[in-house]
Amino acid sequence: MPDLRIAVLGTGAQGASVGADLVRAGLDVTFIDQWAAHVEAMRADGVQVKVAGEAQTTDVTALHLYEVCEQRKPFDVVLVAVKAYDTRWACEMIVPALHPTSLVVGMQNGMTMDAMAQIVGPERTIGAVVEIAANMWDPGIINRETPRSDTWFSVGAHEEGRQAAEETVVALLQHAGSTRVSDDIRSSKWMKLVVNAAEGLPSSILGLPVIEASNVPGIRDVMTSAGDEAIRAGLALGYRSVPILDTPVDVEAEPAAYARRLLDRVLSHYNSPTTKFAVLQDWLKGRRGEVDDVSGLVAHEQARLGGEAPVNRRLVAVAHRIERGELSPEPDNVTMLVASGDPVPS
């Protein structure tokens, strides 16, 4: 493990938090990011991770994107932590910096495994489910709301029979949180997507932390319905309800009940009162969020299968208006989310 050459591709709040843990464990880690000011700040002062009222600064090796092509020695493991919509170009960029047995681990939201496998090869592709709340507003400074003791990973290879590769990634990520192998990583990733669909856009559209948004009258029902639609879409696609976030599956229960239990679990254990969902963080920075990679994917897949996901479709429509600059994320948007009998906003 100490001899592995590791890259974290996308060192935003989550990527930098994990990467800093690996560096402190004595591993050879290179940070790669597209935010120039962030790279320069890390080079000058290291990466500062604030967690549980304490700040820890770690000296790191940081590269701008354009410097990846200067790397002569390939990476053994690449942790891909860019936004889901950046997966393809990021993987294309890193391919020349791989060797035949390198491992590329997709740590994003959404269902990115197959896109990664098309580019880096299925034999090198590992999927991961990540549960860690963090944010970054200033270059080089991470606010990690989930301590390492509560951070959770599940990993699985794109191809069967890759136990050694999975064990390598588990041993690596255990330096950053509890890590285990999923026997069905695609289903595990879809179950995390169920959680993200439930909490993500409803709270982001209101411009509120997740827990505060869930207490707005009518929004908990919106969250529950979005999760219900997501789990039904997953089952229609052939995914299974599998345990994630230490939440067991009751095989006797109606499938949507598991979506509700997952939402309860993430609200009670994986969000602090200040936790803002990643989409809202992106909007507040003037960036676009992973709207089409989570709730948008639920709506798209249901439509493709001939079904309906009206709540997710409504959430996506409002989110697109925010990204076009027609609306701002604010509590007054609640009327567009809870008035389910009205036409979906265009």
Protein backbone atom coordinates (compact mmCIF):
# COMPACT_ATOMS: atom_id res chain seq x y z
CA MET A 1 0.00 0.00 0.00
CA PRO A 2 2.71 2.60 0.78
CA ASP A 3 4.21 1.99 -2.69
CA LEU A 4 1.01 2.85 -4.55
CA ARG A 5 0.98 6.08 -6.50
CA ILE A 6 -2.46 7.61 -5.95
CA ALA A 7 -4.23 10.54 -7.60
CA VAL A 8 -7.36 12.33 -6.45
CA LEU A 9 -8.92 13.78 -9.58
CA GLY A 10 -11.23 16.54 -8.39
CA THR A 11 -10.17 17.86 -5.00
CA GLY A 12 -13.25 19.76 -3.93
CA ALA A 13 -14.65 19.33 -0.46
CA GLN A 14 -15.05 15.54 -0.57
CA GLY A 15 -12.02 14.73 -2.70
CA ALA A 16 -9.70 16.92 -0.64
CA SER A 17 -11.05 15.54 2.65
CA VAL A 18 -10.37 11.98 1.58
CA GLY A 19 -7.06 12.87 -0.04
CA ALA A 20 -5.81 14.61 3.11
CA ASP A 21 -6.62 11.52 5.17
CA LEU A 22 -4.58 9.38 2.77
CA VAL A 23 -1.62 11.76 2.88
CA ARG A 24 -1.66 11.74 6.69
CA ALA A 25 -1.65 7.93 6.53
CA GLY A 26 1.72 8.17 4.78
CA LEU A 27 0.52 7.41 1.25
CA ASP A 28 1.82 8.95 -1.98
CA VAL A 29 -1.09 11.13 -3.12
CA THR A 30 -1.31 13.75 -5.87
CA PHE A 31 -4.18 16.25 -5.86
CA ILE A 32 -5.48 17.29 -9.31
CA ASP A 33 -8.02 20.07 -9.72
CA GLN A 34 -9.43 22.50 -12.28
CA TRP A 35 -9.84 25.46 -9.87
CA ALA A 36 -6.55 27.28 -10.34
CA ALA A 37 -6.80 29.35 -7.16
CA HIS A 38 -7.44 26.20 -5.12
CA VAL A 39 -4.36 24.47 -6.55
CA GLU A 40 -2.18 27.50 -5.84
CA ALA A 41 -3.53 27.80 -2.29
CA MET A 42 -2.78 24.14 -1.59
CA ARG A 43 0.72 24.53 -2.98
CA ALA A 44 1.41 27.56 -0.84
CA ASP A 45 -0.26 26.59 2.44
CA GLY A 46 -1.36 22.96 2.19
CA VAL A 47 -4.98 21.88 2.48
CA GLN A 48 -6.75 22.83 5.70
CA VAL A 49 -9.57 20.53 6.82
CA LYS A 50 -11.81 21.84 9.58
CA VAL A 51 -13.77 19.17 11.43
CA ALA A 52 -15.34 19.01 14.91
CA GLY A 53 -14.07 22.46 15.80
CA GLU A 54 -10.46 21.69 14.93
CA ALA A 55 -8.40 22.57 11.87
CA GLN A 56 -5.69 20.31 10.51
CA THR A 57 -3.36 21.45 7.74
CA THR A 58 -1.72 18.86 5.49
CA ASP A 59 1.02 19.57 2.98
CA VAL A 60 0.04 18.07 -0.37
CA THR A 61 1.28 17.73 -3.93
CA ALA A 62 -1.18 19.59 -6.15
CA LEU A 63 -1.41 19.76 -9.95
CA HIS A 64 -3.35 21.93 -12.36
CA LEU A 65 -5.21 19.99 -15.04
CA TYR A 66 -2.73 21.05 -17.71
CA GLU A 67 0.11 19.52 -15.70
CA VAL A 68 -1.30 15.98 -15.88
CA CYS A 69 0.19 15.58 -19.35
CA GLU A 70 3.63 16.19 -17.82
CA GLN A 71 3.42 13.14 -15.59
CA ARG A 72 5.90 10.46 -16.62
CA LYS A 73 5.20 7.89 -13.92
CA PRO A 74 1.67 6.44 -14.10
CA PHE A 75 -0.77 6.35 -11.21
CA ASP A 76 -1.73 3.02 -9.65
CA VAL A 77 -5.07 4.25 -8.27
CA VAL A 78 -7.11 7.27 -9.33
CA LEU A 79 -9.99 8.42 -7.15
CA VAL A 80 -12.36 10.34 -9.44
CA ALA A 81 -14.22 12.95 -7.41
CA VAL A 82 -15.24 15.42 -10.11
CA LYS A 83 -18.91 16.20 -10.68
CA ALA A 84 -20.83 13.39 -12.36
CA TYR A 85 -21.31 15.47 -15.51
CA ASP A 86 -17.52 15.87 -15.80
CA THR A 87 -16.85 12.13 -15.72
CA ARG A 88 -16.16 11.52 -19.40
CA TRP A 89 -13.66 14.29 -20.07
CA ALA A 90 -11.90 13.67 -16.75
CA CYS A 91 -11.46 9.98 -17.53
CA GLU A 92 -10.25 10.73 -21.05
CA MET A 93 -7.67 13.09 -19.59
CA ILE A 94 -6.34 10.59 -17.05
CA VAL A 95 -6.07 7.58 -19.40
CA PRO A 96 -2.52 8.44 -20.56
CA ALA A 97 -1.45 8.56 -16.90
CA LEU A 98 -2.57 4.96 -16.25
CA HIS A 99 -0.86 1.60 -16.68
CA PRO A 100 -2.66 -1.64 -17.65
CA THR A 101 -3.49 -2.64 -14.06
CA SER A 102 -4.32 0.80 -12.68
CA LEU A 103 -7.61 1.15 -10.80
CA VAL A 104 -9.99 4.06 -11.39
CA VAL A 105 -12.53 4.59 -8.62
CA GLY A 106 -15.69 6.59 -9.33
CA MET A 107 -16.61 8.41 -6.12
CA GLN A 108 -19.32 10.66 -7.54
CA ASN A 109 -23.07 10.79 -7.18
CA GLY A 110 -25.12 9.21 -9.93
CA MET A 111 -24.51 6.18 -12.10
CA THR A 112 -21.12 6.90 -13.69
CA MET A 113 -19.57 3.42 -13.71
CA ASP A 114 -20.41 2.45 -17.27
CA ALA A 115 -19.26 5.77 -18.70
CA MET A 116 -15.97 5.34 -16.85
CA ALA A 117 -15.59 1.76 -18.06
CA GLN A 118 -16.09 2.80 -21.68
CA ILE A 119 -13.09 5.11 -21.39
CA VAL A 120 -10.62 3.56 -18.93
CA GLY A 121 -11.69 -0.07 -19.49
CA PRO A 122 -14.05 -2.24 -17.42
CA GLU A 123 -11.13 -4.16 -15.91
CA ARG A 124 -9.84 -0.94 -14.32
CA THR A 125 -13.18 0.46 -13.16
CA ILE A 126 -14.32 0.42 -9.53
CA GLY A 127 -17.57 2.00 -8.36
CA ALA A 128 -17.94 3.59 -4.95
CA VAL A 129 -20.74 4.90 -2.78
CA VAL A 130 -19.62 7.75 -0.54
CA GLU A 131 -21.33 9.29 2.46
CA ILE A 132 -19.47 12.36 3.68
CA ALA A 133 -20.80 15.89 4.23
CA ALA A 134 -18.31 18.65 3.47
CA ASN A 135 -18.13 22.04 1.81
CA MET A 136 -15.53 24.42 0.47
CA TRP A 137 -16.04 28.14 -0.05
CA ASP A 138 -12.43 29.36 -0.04
CA PRO A 139 -9.43 27.89 -1.90
CA GLY A 140 -7.52 25.36 0.17
CA ILE A 141 -9.97 25.34 3.10
CA ILE A 142 -12.40 22.44 3.62
CA ASN A 143 -15.24 22.34 6.15
CA ARG A 144 -15.81 18.66 6.83
CA GLU A 145 -19.05 18.11 8.71
CA THR A 146 -18.76 14.32 8.82
CA PRO A 147 -15.82 13.13 10.93
CA ARG A 148 -13.80 10.17 9.79
CA SER A 149 -15.54 7.98 12.37
CA ASP A 150 -18.88 8.55 10.62
CA THR A 151 -17.65 8.60 6.99
CA TRP A 152 -18.83 5.60 5.00
CA PHE A 153 -17.75 3.96 1.71
CA SER A 154 -18.96 0.93 -0.24
CA VAL A 155 -17.00 -0.27 -3.26
CA GLY A 156 -17.38 -2.82 -6.01
CA ALA A 157 -15.69 -3.70 -9.29
CA HIS A 158 -17.32 -3.24 -12.68
CA GLU A 159 -16.36 -6.83 -13.56
CA GLU A 160 -16.93 -9.93 -11.47
CA GLY A 161 -13.98 -11.79 -10.01
CA ARG A 162 -11.99 -8.67 -9.11
CA GLN A 163 -11.72 -9.33 -5.38
CA ALA A 164 -8.05 -8.31 -5.19
CA ALA A 165 -8.81 -4.95 -6.81
CA GLU A 166 -11.74 -4.37 -4.46
CA GLU A 167 -9.60 -5.24 -1.44
CA THR A 168 -6.95 -2.77 -2.59
CA VAL A 169 -9.50 0.03 -2.70
CA VAL A 170 -11.02 -0.98 0.64
CA ALA A 171 -7.59 -0.91 2.29
CA LEU A 172 -6.98 2.51 0.78
CA LEU A 173 -10.27 4.16 1.72
CA GLN A 174 -10.28 2.75 5.25
CA HIS A 175 -7.85 5.54 6.05
CA ALA A 176 -10.73 7.97 5.41
CA GLY A 177 -13.75 6.10 6.82
CA SER A 178 -15.55 2.81 7.27
CA THR A 179 -15.24 0.83 4.02
CA ARG A 180 -16.72 -2.41 2.77
CA VAL A 181 -17.28 -4.33 -0.47
CA SER A 182 -20.75 -4.32 -2.03
CA ASP A 183 -21.84 -7.53 -3.72
CA ASP A 184 -23.94 -5.43 -6.12
CA ILE A 185 -22.33 -2.03 -6.53
CA ARG A 186 -24.77 -0.81 -9.18
CA SER A 187 -27.70 -1.41 -6.84
CA SER A 188 -25.76 0.20 -3.99
CA LYS A 189 -25.12 3.27 -6.10
CA TRP A 190 -28.78 3.48 -7.10
CA MET A 191 -29.83 3.24 -3.44
CA LYS A 192 -27.54 6.22 -2.71
CA LEU A 193 -29.16 7.98 -5.67
CA VAL A 194 -32.53 7.35 -3.96
CA VAL A 195 -31.24 9.24 -0.92
CA ASN A 196 -29.83 12.06 -3.03
CA ALA A 197 -33.07 12.40 -5.01
CA ALA A 198 -35.03 12.69 -1.79
CA GLU A 199 -32.90 15.27 0.01
CA GLY A 200 -31.07 17.05 -2.80
CA LEU A 201 -33.27 19.20 -4.99
CA PRO A 202 -36.03 19.84 -2.42
CA SER A 203 -33.53 21.44 -0.02
CA SER A 204 -31.44 23.11 -2.73
CA ILE A 205 -34.43 24.75 -4.43
CA LEU A 206 -35.41 26.27 -1.07
CA GLY A 207 -31.83 27.48 -0.51
CA LEU A 208 -31.80 25.82 2.92
CA PRO A 209 -29.72 23.24 4.80
CA VAL A 210 -31.18 19.76 4.34
CA ILE A 211 -32.58 19.36 7.87
CA GLU A 212 -34.10 22.85 7.92
CA ALA A 213 -35.72 22.24 4.54
CA SER A 214 -37.19 18.94 5.73
CA ASN A 215 -39.05 20.84 8.46
CA VAL A 216 -40.72 23.26 6.03
CA PRO A 217 -44.45 22.32 5.83
CA GLY A 218 -45.06 20.01 2.91
CA ILE A 219 -41.40 19.44 2.00
CA ARG A 220 -40.93 16.21 3.93
CA ASP A 221 -43.74 14.78 1.79
CA VAL A 222 -41.98 16.03 -1.35
CA MET A 223 -38.73 14.41 -0.22
CA THR A 224 -40.51 11.15 0.56
CA SER A 225 -42.28 11.10 -2.81
CA ALA A 226 -39.06 11.85 -4.70
CA GLY A 227 -37.36 8.94 -2.93
CA ASP A 228 -40.34 6.66 -3.58
CA GLU A 229 -40.19 7.43 -7.29
CA ALA A 230 -36.43 6.85 -7.36
CA ILE A 231 -36.58 3.44 -5.73
CA ARG A 232 -39.42 2.34 -8.03
CA ALA A 233 -37.40 3.49 -11.04
CA GLY A 234 -34.41 1.49 -9.80
CA LEU A 235 -36.45 -1.66 -9.36
CA ALA A 236 -37.89 -1.22 -12.86
CA LEU A 237 -34.32 -0.97 -14.17
CA GLY A 238 -33.39 -4.25 -12.48
CA TYR A 239 -31.56 -2.90 -9.43
CA ARG A 240 -32.20 -4.38 -6.01
CA SER A 241 -32.96 -2.78 -2.67
CA VAL A 242 -29.66 -3.41 -0.91
CA PRO A 243 -28.44 -2.20 2.49
CA ILE A 244 -26.49 1.05 2.52
CA LEU A 245 -25.74 3.58 5.28
CA ASP A 246 -26.11 0.74 7.82
CA THR A 247 -29.82 0.57 6.97
CA PRO A 248 -31.03 -3.03 6.60
CA VAL A 249 -33.62 -4.02 4.03
CA ASP A 250 -36.90 -5.50 5.19
CA VAL A 251 -37.73 -7.92 2.37
CA GLU A 252 -41.32 -8.14 3.59
CA ALA A 253 -41.89 -4.39 3.37
CA GLU A 254 -43.23 -2.43 0.42
CA PRO A 255 -40.23 -1.08 -1.57
CA ALA A 256 -41.01 2.59 -0.97
CA ALA A 257 -40.75 1.94 2.77
CA TYR A 258 -37.02 1.41 2.35
CA ALA A 259 -36.69 4.74 0.58
CA ARG A 260 -38.35 6.39 3.57
CA ARG A 261 -36.07 4.59 6.01
CA LEU A 262 -33.03 5.73 4.05
CA LEU A 263 -34.26 9.33 4.15
CA ASP A 264 -34.84 9.07 7.90
CA ARG A 265 -31.36 7.62 8.35
CA VAL A 266 -29.55 10.29 6.37
CA LEU A 267 -31.46 13.11 8.07
CA SER A 268 -30.78 11.77 11.56
CA HIS A 269 -27.21 10.51 11.16
CA TYR A 270 -25.50 12.06 8.13
CA ASN A 271 -26.60 15.70 8.17
CA SER A 272 -25.78 18.42 10.66
CA PRO A 273 -28.05 21.47 11.05
CA THR A 274 -25.73 23.38 8.69
CA THR A 275 -25.33 20.75 5.95
CA LYS A 276 -26.16 22.15 2.52
CA PHE A 277 -26.60 19.66 -0.31
CA ALA A 278 -23.94 19.73 -3.04
CA VAL A 279 -26.31 21.20 -5.65
CA LEU A 280 -27.04 24.21 -3.45
CA GLN A 281 -23.33 24.67 -2.80
CA ASP A 282 -22.73 24.74 -6.54
CA TRP A 283 -25.53 27.22 -7.15
CA LEU A 284 -24.22 29.54 -4.45
CA LYS A 285 -20.84 29.46 -6.23
CA GLY A 286 -22.45 30.28 -9.58
CA ARG A 287 -21.95 26.76 -10.94
CA ARG A 288 -24.41 24.20 -12.23
CA GLY A 289 -25.25 21.20 -10.10
CA GLU A 290 -25.79 17.50 -10.70
CA VAL A 291 -29.47 18.03 -11.46
CA ASP A 292 -29.68 15.75 -14.49
CA ASP A 293 -27.45 13.08 -12.93
CA VAL A 294 -29.74 12.34 -9.97
CA SER A 295 -33.37 13.51 -10.03
CA GLY A 296 -33.11 14.08 -13.76
CA LEU A 297 -31.94 10.51 -14.23
CA VAL A 298 -34.94 9.20 -12.29
CA ALA A 299 -37.34 11.17 -14.48
CA HIS A 300 -35.50 10.24 -17.68
CA GLU A 301 -35.37 6.53 -16.95
CA GLN A 302 -39.01 6.35 -15.92
CA ALA A 303 -40.03 8.12 -19.12
CA ARG A 304 -37.83 5.76 -21.15
CA LEU A 305 -39.55 2.80 -19.51
CA GLY A 306 -42.99 4.28 -20.15
CA GLY A 307 -43.56 5.29 -16.54
CA GLU A 308 -43.88 8.56 -14.66
CA ALA A 309 -41.87 10.35 -11.98
CA PRO A 310 -43.92 13.55 -11.58
CA VAL A 311 -42.27 14.78 -8.37
CA ASN A 312 -38.74 14.39 -9.67
CA ARG A 313 -39.81 15.88 -12.99
CA ARG A 314 -41.22 18.91 -11.15
CA LEU A 315 -38.05 19.29 -9.08
CA VAL A 316 -35.86 19.14 -12.18
CA ALA A 317 -38.01 21.71 -14.00
CA VAL A 318 -37.68 24.19 -11.13
CA ALA A 319 -33.97 23.45 -10.77
CA HIS A 320 -33.40 24.16 -14.47
CA ARG A 321 -35.12 27.53 -14.04
CA ILE A 322 -32.71 28.34 -11.23
CA GLU A 323 -29.75 27.33 -13.37
CA ARG A 324 -31.03 29.54 -16.21
CA GLY A 325 -31.15 32.48 -13.81
CA GLU A 326 -34.94 32.80 -13.89
CA LEU A 327 -35.29 31.95 -10.19
CA SER A 328 -33.10 32.04 -7.10
CA PRO A 329 -32.88 29.24 -4.53
CA GLU A 330 -35.08 30.55 -1.71
CA PRO A 331 -37.81 29.38 0.69
CA ASP A 332 -40.56 31.07 -1.35
CA ASN A 333 -40.08 28.37 -4.01
CA VAL A 334 -41.95 25.99 -1.71
CA THR A 335 -45.24 26.81 -3.45
CA MET A 336 -43.93 25.35 -6.71
CA LEU A 337 -42.94 22.10 -4.99
CA VAL A 338 -45.94 21.32 -2.82
CA ALA A 339 -48.73 22.36 -5.24
CA SER A 340 -48.72 18.94 -6.85
CA GLY A 341 -51.91 19.56 -8.78
CA ASP A 342 -50.43 22.41 -10.77
CA PRO A 343 -48.66 21.99 -14.11
CA VAL A 344 -44.93 21.37 -13.90
CA PRO A 345 -43.14 24.75 -14.19
CA SER A 346 -41.46 25.11 -17.57
